[in-house]
Amino acid sequence: MAVNKYPWVRNIHGANEPLIIMGKVQAGSTQEIKRGEICVFNETSGNFVPADAAADSQYTMAIANEEQKAADSARYMEFIAIREGDVFEFELAAAAQVAYGDGYEISNSQKLASDPDGNVIAYVVGRQNYPEEGTTLLSVSYAEFSFIREVSYLYRNMVPSNIAKVMAKTADYTLLMEDNGAIITNKGASGAVVITAPTSVVPIGWHVKLAAMAAQALRFDPKPDTAQIYIAGGAQTAGKYAGITDEGDFMHLVWDGTDWLCYASISGADGDIDVES
């Protein structure tokens, strides 16, 4: 059961206080909110509601900075925007010997659960359980975290960035939540490279660009396996890859909540997209 807390600890870039934004919430009789709850923005209703499962990582997030009581009317209330460098303290779903960089997902609105390769939304940044002597980390029930920018309401809805990261992959690679907007190439590859969609649930609008920079197959494997790739004139068989081969070929794919839509692509010398049958 949620309780009122103040989870903001500090900002490693020097900000002395959190950034407060206003967010719309339902009447308290419909949805109560405690201060300190991780909340997700429901784009359909336009309201912030407490997160309650890993799947909620598909929505953008902010943290309640006040309480919405049962008697309160629908209104705009204060939320702490999630910024780069912000550090928050949250309870762990299970006590653990956490270490820098451990990945965690949502367990509920005030707890995070270890998930090193799934729906990771935050990484451990605290050092409270590091020993003064020896190398044995202490087991803790609370830890300090920084959230990835891809889940931030601030960055996705208010001040989105247009700067993309570029990654050259010469071996198969599974995309992560934080690879949103990345340009993935096969520069330097000597064989086929398969880029697999994130295994976690990503937000609608999550996108990636594949660009062939070696004369080798560069393929996109959609996830979940029920997802189709819309490319080369139609919806392809669910769970089957699409690929490019010639230097300069590219595919830009976006997740619409059900399937992967390739809304921009080019194929060079051989004039077609390689689609798995």
Protein backbone atom coordinates (compact mmCIF):
# COMPACT_ATOMS: atom_id res chain seq x y z
CA MET A 1 0.00 0.00 0.00
CA ALA A 2 1.39 3.37 -1.03
CA VAL A 3 2.41 5.90 1.61
CA ASN A 4 3.47 9.54 1.42
CA LYS A 5 7.21 9.88 0.81
CA TYR A 6 9.68 12.32 -0.71
CA PRO A 7 12.00 10.19 -2.86
CA TRP A 8 14.14 12.91 -4.50
CA VAL A 9 17.65 12.83 -3.05
CA ARG A 10 19.89 15.05 -5.19
CA ASN A 11 20.97 15.83 -8.72
CA ILE A 12 24.48 14.79 -9.67
CA HIS A 13 24.77 17.75 -12.06
CA GLY A 14 24.32 20.21 -9.20
CA ALA A 15 20.63 21.18 -9.15
CA ASN A 16 19.63 21.98 -5.57
CA GLU A 17 15.99 20.99 -5.89
CA PRO A 18 13.75 18.92 -8.16
CA LEU A 19 12.02 20.36 -11.21
CA ILE A 20 8.30 20.64 -10.47
CA ILE A 21 5.74 20.38 -13.27
CA MET A 22 1.95 20.28 -13.23
CA GLY A 23 0.00 17.20 -14.26
CA LYS A 24 -3.70 16.44 -14.52
CA VAL A 25 -5.21 13.78 -12.23
CA GLN A 26 -8.63 12.25 -11.83
CA ALA A 27 -10.92 12.90 -8.87
CA GLY A 28 -9.60 11.23 -5.75
CA SER A 29 -12.74 9.14 -5.50
CA THR A 30 -11.64 7.48 -8.75
CA GLN A 31 -7.88 7.40 -8.16
CA GLU A 32 -6.04 8.37 -4.99
CA ILE A 33 -2.36 9.21 -5.28
CA LYS A 34 0.26 9.40 -2.54
CA ARG A 35 3.21 11.76 -2.61
CA GLY A 36 6.23 9.89 -3.91
CA GLU A 37 4.37 7.46 -6.17
CA ILE A 38 5.78 6.81 -9.62
CA CYS A 39 2.98 7.83 -11.96
CA VAL A 40 2.49 7.22 -15.66
CA PHE A 41 0.80 9.54 -18.12
CA ASN A 42 -2.15 7.84 -19.80
CA GLU A 43 -2.29 9.47 -23.22
CA THR A 44 -5.85 8.25 -23.80
CA SER A 45 -7.34 9.85 -20.69
CA GLY A 46 -4.76 12.62 -20.35
CA ASN A 47 -4.31 11.82 -16.65
CA PHE A 48 -1.41 10.71 -14.48
CA VAL A 49 -2.08 7.49 -12.57
CA PRO A 50 0.12 5.38 -10.26
CA ALA A 51 2.25 2.81 -12.06
CA ASP A 52 1.44 -0.75 -11.07
CA ALA A 53 3.34 -3.16 -13.35
CA ALA A 54 6.39 -3.53 -15.57
CA ALA A 55 4.18 -3.04 -18.64
CA ASP A 56 3.57 0.53 -17.51
CA SER A 57 7.09 1.35 -18.68
CA GLN A 58 5.53 1.90 -22.12
CA TYR A 59 4.14 5.19 -20.76
CA THR A 60 6.02 8.32 -19.76
CA MET A 61 6.54 8.96 -16.06
CA ALA A 62 6.75 11.59 -13.36
CA ILE A 63 6.70 11.33 -9.57
CA ALA A 64 3.86 12.74 -7.49
CA ASN A 65 4.96 15.63 -5.29
CA GLU A 66 1.69 15.93 -3.38
CA GLU A 67 -1.21 13.75 -2.34
CA GLN A 68 -4.50 13.37 -4.18
CA LYS A 69 -6.99 12.42 -1.47
CA ALA A 70 -10.31 10.64 -1.87
CA ALA A 71 -12.25 13.87 -1.38
CA ASP A 72 -10.20 15.89 -3.88
CA SER A 73 -11.65 16.92 -7.23
CA ALA A 74 -10.00 16.32 -10.58
CA ARG A 75 -7.26 18.93 -10.88
CA TYR A 76 -3.70 19.75 -11.82
CA MET A 77 -1.22 18.85 -9.12
CA GLU A 78 2.54 18.93 -8.62
CA PHE A 79 4.82 16.24 -10.03
CA ILE A 80 8.59 15.89 -9.90
CA ALA A 81 9.90 15.74 -13.46
CA ILE A 82 12.47 13.04 -14.11
CA ARG A 83 15.67 14.73 -15.33
CA GLU A 84 19.07 13.41 -16.27
CA GLY A 85 21.15 13.40 -13.11
CA ASP A 86 18.23 13.22 -10.69
CA VAL A 87 18.71 10.61 -7.97
CA PHE A 88 15.72 9.04 -6.20
CA GLU A 89 15.49 6.56 -3.35
CA PHE A 90 13.04 3.69 -3.79
CA GLU A 91 12.30 0.46 -1.97
CA LEU A 92 13.38 -2.79 -3.60
CA ALA A 93 10.87 -5.54 -4.25
CA ALA A 94 13.46 -7.92 -2.77
CA ALA A 95 16.52 -7.08 -0.68
CA ALA A 96 19.72 -7.35 -2.72
CA GLN A 97 23.44 -6.62 -2.83
CA VAL A 98 22.97 -3.88 -5.38
CA ALA A 99 25.87 -2.48 -7.36
CA TYR A 100 26.40 0.52 -9.60
CA GLY A 101 24.59 0.03 -12.90
CA ASP A 102 22.18 -2.71 -11.83
CA GLY A 103 19.01 -2.40 -13.89
CA TYR A 104 15.55 -2.27 -12.29
CA GLU A 105 11.96 -2.22 -13.53
CA ILE A 106 8.64 -1.21 -11.96
CA SER A 107 7.25 -3.56 -9.32
CA ASN A 108 4.62 -1.10 -8.15
CA SER A 109 4.35 2.66 -7.78
CA GLN A 110 6.85 2.78 -4.90
CA LYS A 111 9.00 -0.32 -5.46
CA LEU A 112 11.48 -1.37 -8.12
CA ALA A 113 12.39 -4.94 -9.03
CA SER A 114 15.66 -6.28 -10.41
CA ASP A 115 15.55 -6.93 -14.14
CA PRO A 116 18.96 -6.75 -15.80
CA ASP A 117 17.74 -7.43 -19.35
CA GLY A 118 14.01 -6.69 -19.48
CA ASN A 119 11.87 -3.62 -18.74
CA VAL A 120 14.70 -1.58 -17.23
CA ILE A 121 13.67 1.97 -16.38
CA ALA A 122 16.31 2.91 -13.78
CA TYR A 123 19.85 2.07 -12.77
CA VAL A 124 21.45 1.95 -9.34
CA VAL A 125 23.69 4.94 -8.66
CA GLY A 126 24.00 4.88 -4.86
CA ARG A 127 26.99 3.68 -2.87
CA GLN A 128 25.45 3.34 0.59
CA ASN A 129 25.98 -0.43 0.67
CA TYR A 130 29.60 -0.38 -0.46
CA PRO A 131 31.90 -1.56 2.36
CA GLU A 132 34.68 0.52 3.88
CA GLU A 133 36.84 -2.60 3.85
CA GLY A 134 36.72 -5.75 1.78
CA THR A 135 34.66 -6.46 -1.34
CA THR A 136 31.36 -7.80 0.00
CA LEU A 137 28.44 -5.53 -0.78
CA LEU A 138 25.81 -5.18 1.92
CA SER A 139 22.28 -6.38 1.24
CA VAL A 140 19.82 -3.47 1.27
CA SER A 141 16.07 -2.94 1.01
CA TYR A 142 16.33 0.57 -0.42
CA ALA A 143 18.61 1.97 -3.10
CA GLU A 144 19.30 5.16 -5.01
CA PHE A 145 18.40 5.24 -8.70
CA SER A 146 18.57 7.40 -11.79
CA PHE A 147 15.89 6.86 -14.43
CA ILE A 148 16.56 6.57 -18.15
CA ARG A 149 15.39 9.58 -20.15
CA GLU A 150 13.17 7.43 -22.41
CA VAL A 151 10.59 7.04 -19.62
CA SER A 152 10.60 10.72 -18.64
CA TYR A 153 7.45 12.72 -19.32
CA LEU A 154 9.68 15.79 -19.38
CA TYR A 155 11.91 14.57 -22.19
CA ARG A 156 9.29 12.80 -24.28
CA ASN A 157 6.47 15.32 -24.02
CA MET A 158 7.95 18.69 -23.07
CA VAL A 159 11.58 19.03 -24.22
CA PRO A 160 12.32 16.10 -26.55
CA SER A 161 15.87 15.84 -27.88
CA ASN A 162 16.72 15.47 -31.58
CA ILE A 163 20.24 14.17 -30.98
CA ALA A 164 20.59 10.50 -31.89
CA LYS A 165 23.31 8.08 -30.89
CA VAL A 166 25.06 6.03 -33.57
CA MET A 167 26.15 2.45 -32.90
CA ALA A 168 28.06 0.12 -35.21
CA LYS A 169 27.25 -3.54 -34.63
CA THR A 170 29.32 -6.35 -36.11
CA ALA A 171 27.45 -9.09 -34.22
CA ASP A 172 23.81 -9.73 -33.34
CA TYR A 173 22.38 -7.22 -30.87
CA THR A 174 19.16 -6.85 -28.87
CA LEU A 175 17.98 -3.27 -28.58
CA LEU A 176 17.40 -1.71 -25.15
CA MET A 177 14.84 0.84 -24.04
CA GLU A 178 17.54 3.54 -24.02
CA ASP A 179 18.35 2.87 -27.70
CA ASN A 180 15.28 4.86 -28.69
CA GLY A 181 16.05 6.96 -31.78
CA ALA A 182 19.45 5.34 -32.32
CA ILE A 183 21.02 4.81 -35.72
CA ILE A 184 22.31 1.24 -35.90
CA THR A 185 24.84 0.36 -38.59
CA ASN A 186 26.77 -2.77 -39.53
CA LYS A 187 29.96 -0.83 -40.30
CA GLY A 188 32.90 -3.24 -40.15
CA ALA A 189 30.74 -6.38 -40.20
CA SER A 190 32.03 -9.42 -42.07
CA GLY A 191 28.74 -11.33 -41.97
CA ALA A 192 25.02 -10.94 -41.39
CA VAL A 193 23.93 -8.95 -38.32
CA VAL A 194 20.50 -9.32 -36.72
CA ILE A 195 19.15 -6.41 -34.67
CA THR A 196 16.37 -7.64 -32.38
CA ALA A 197 13.65 -5.34 -31.12
CA PRO A 198 13.57 -4.73 -27.35
CA THR A 199 12.20 -7.67 -25.39
CA SER A 200 10.62 -5.19 -22.96
CA VAL A 201 7.44 -3.25 -23.62
CA VAL A 202 8.40 0.06 -25.23
CA PRO A 203 6.32 3.24 -25.53
CA ILE A 204 4.27 3.91 -28.62
CA GLY A 205 6.49 6.06 -30.83
CA TRP A 206 9.72 4.28 -29.82
CA HIS A 207 11.81 4.14 -33.00
CA VAL A 208 15.10 3.01 -34.45
CA LYS A 209 16.99 3.45 -37.73
CA LEU A 210 19.03 0.69 -39.38
CA ALA A 211 21.62 1.76 -41.97
CA ALA A 212 23.78 -0.68 -43.93
CA MET A 213 27.39 0.49 -44.01
CA ALA A 214 28.89 -2.85 -45.06
CA ALA A 215 27.84 -5.10 -47.96
CA GLN A 216 26.38 -7.61 -45.51
CA ALA A 217 22.82 -8.36 -44.45
CA LEU A 218 21.51 -6.08 -41.70
CA ARG A 219 18.21 -7.46 -40.41
CA PHE A 220 15.53 -6.34 -37.97
CA ASP A 221 13.82 -9.05 -35.90
CA PRO A 222 10.48 -7.79 -34.52
CA LYS A 223 9.36 -8.42 -30.96
CA PRO A 224 7.05 -9.61 -29.59
CA ASP A 225 6.76 -12.54 -31.99
CA THR A 226 3.16 -11.51 -32.69
CA ALA A 227 4.36 -8.20 -34.19
CA GLN A 228 4.45 -7.66 -37.93
CA ILE A 229 6.77 -5.40 -39.89
CA TYR A 230 4.95 -3.13 -42.32
CA ILE A 231 7.41 -2.80 -45.20
CA ALA A 232 7.90 -3.62 -48.89
CA GLY A 233 4.30 -3.02 -49.79
CA GLY A 234 2.47 -4.63 -46.90
CA ALA A 235 2.34 -6.28 -43.51
CA GLN A 236 4.82 -9.13 -43.38
CA THR A 237 4.40 -12.40 -41.48
CA ALA A 238 4.38 -11.90 -37.71
CA GLY A 239 7.74 -12.50 -36.07
CA LYS A 240 9.67 -12.53 -39.36
CA TYR A 241 12.63 -10.27 -40.07
CA ALA A 242 13.17 -7.67 -42.75
CA GLY A 243 16.64 -6.69 -43.90
CA ILE A 244 18.85 -4.59 -46.14
CA THR A 245 22.24 -5.33 -47.69
CA ASP A 246 23.85 -2.55 -49.72
CA GLU A 247 25.86 0.32 -48.28
CA GLY A 248 23.56 3.30 -47.89
CA ASP A 249 20.35 1.27 -47.56
CA PHE A 250 18.27 2.16 -44.50
CA MET A 251 15.05 1.37 -42.63
CA HIS A 252 13.35 3.61 -40.09
CA LEU A 253 10.99 1.61 -37.89
CA VAL A 254 8.54 2.83 -35.27
CA TRP A 255 6.45 0.89 -32.73
CA ASP A 256 2.71 1.66 -32.84
CA GLY A 257 1.76 -0.45 -29.84
CA THR A 258 1.08 -3.58 -31.91
CA ASP A 259 3.45 -3.72 -34.89
CA TRP A 260 6.62 -2.20 -36.33
CA LEU A 261 5.95 0.35 -39.06
CA CYS A 262 8.72 1.09 -41.53
CA TYR A 263 7.73 4.56 -42.72
CA ALA A 264 10.99 5.33 -44.49
CA SER A 265 13.34 2.99 -46.31
CA ILE A 266 15.58 2.72 -49.35
CA SER A 267 17.25 -0.22 -51.02
CA GLY A 268 20.13 0.31 -53.39
CA ALA A 269 21.77 -1.87 -55.98
CA ASP A 270 19.47 -4.90 -55.85
CA GLY A 271 16.31 -2.84 -55.55
CA ASP A 272 14.44 -4.73 -52.85
CA ILE A 273 14.04 -5.37 -49.15
CA ASP A 274 15.00 -8.81 -47.85
CA VAL A 275 11.89 -10.22 -46.12
CA GLU A 276 11.96 -13.55 -44.24
CA SER A 277 9.44 -16.03 -45.60
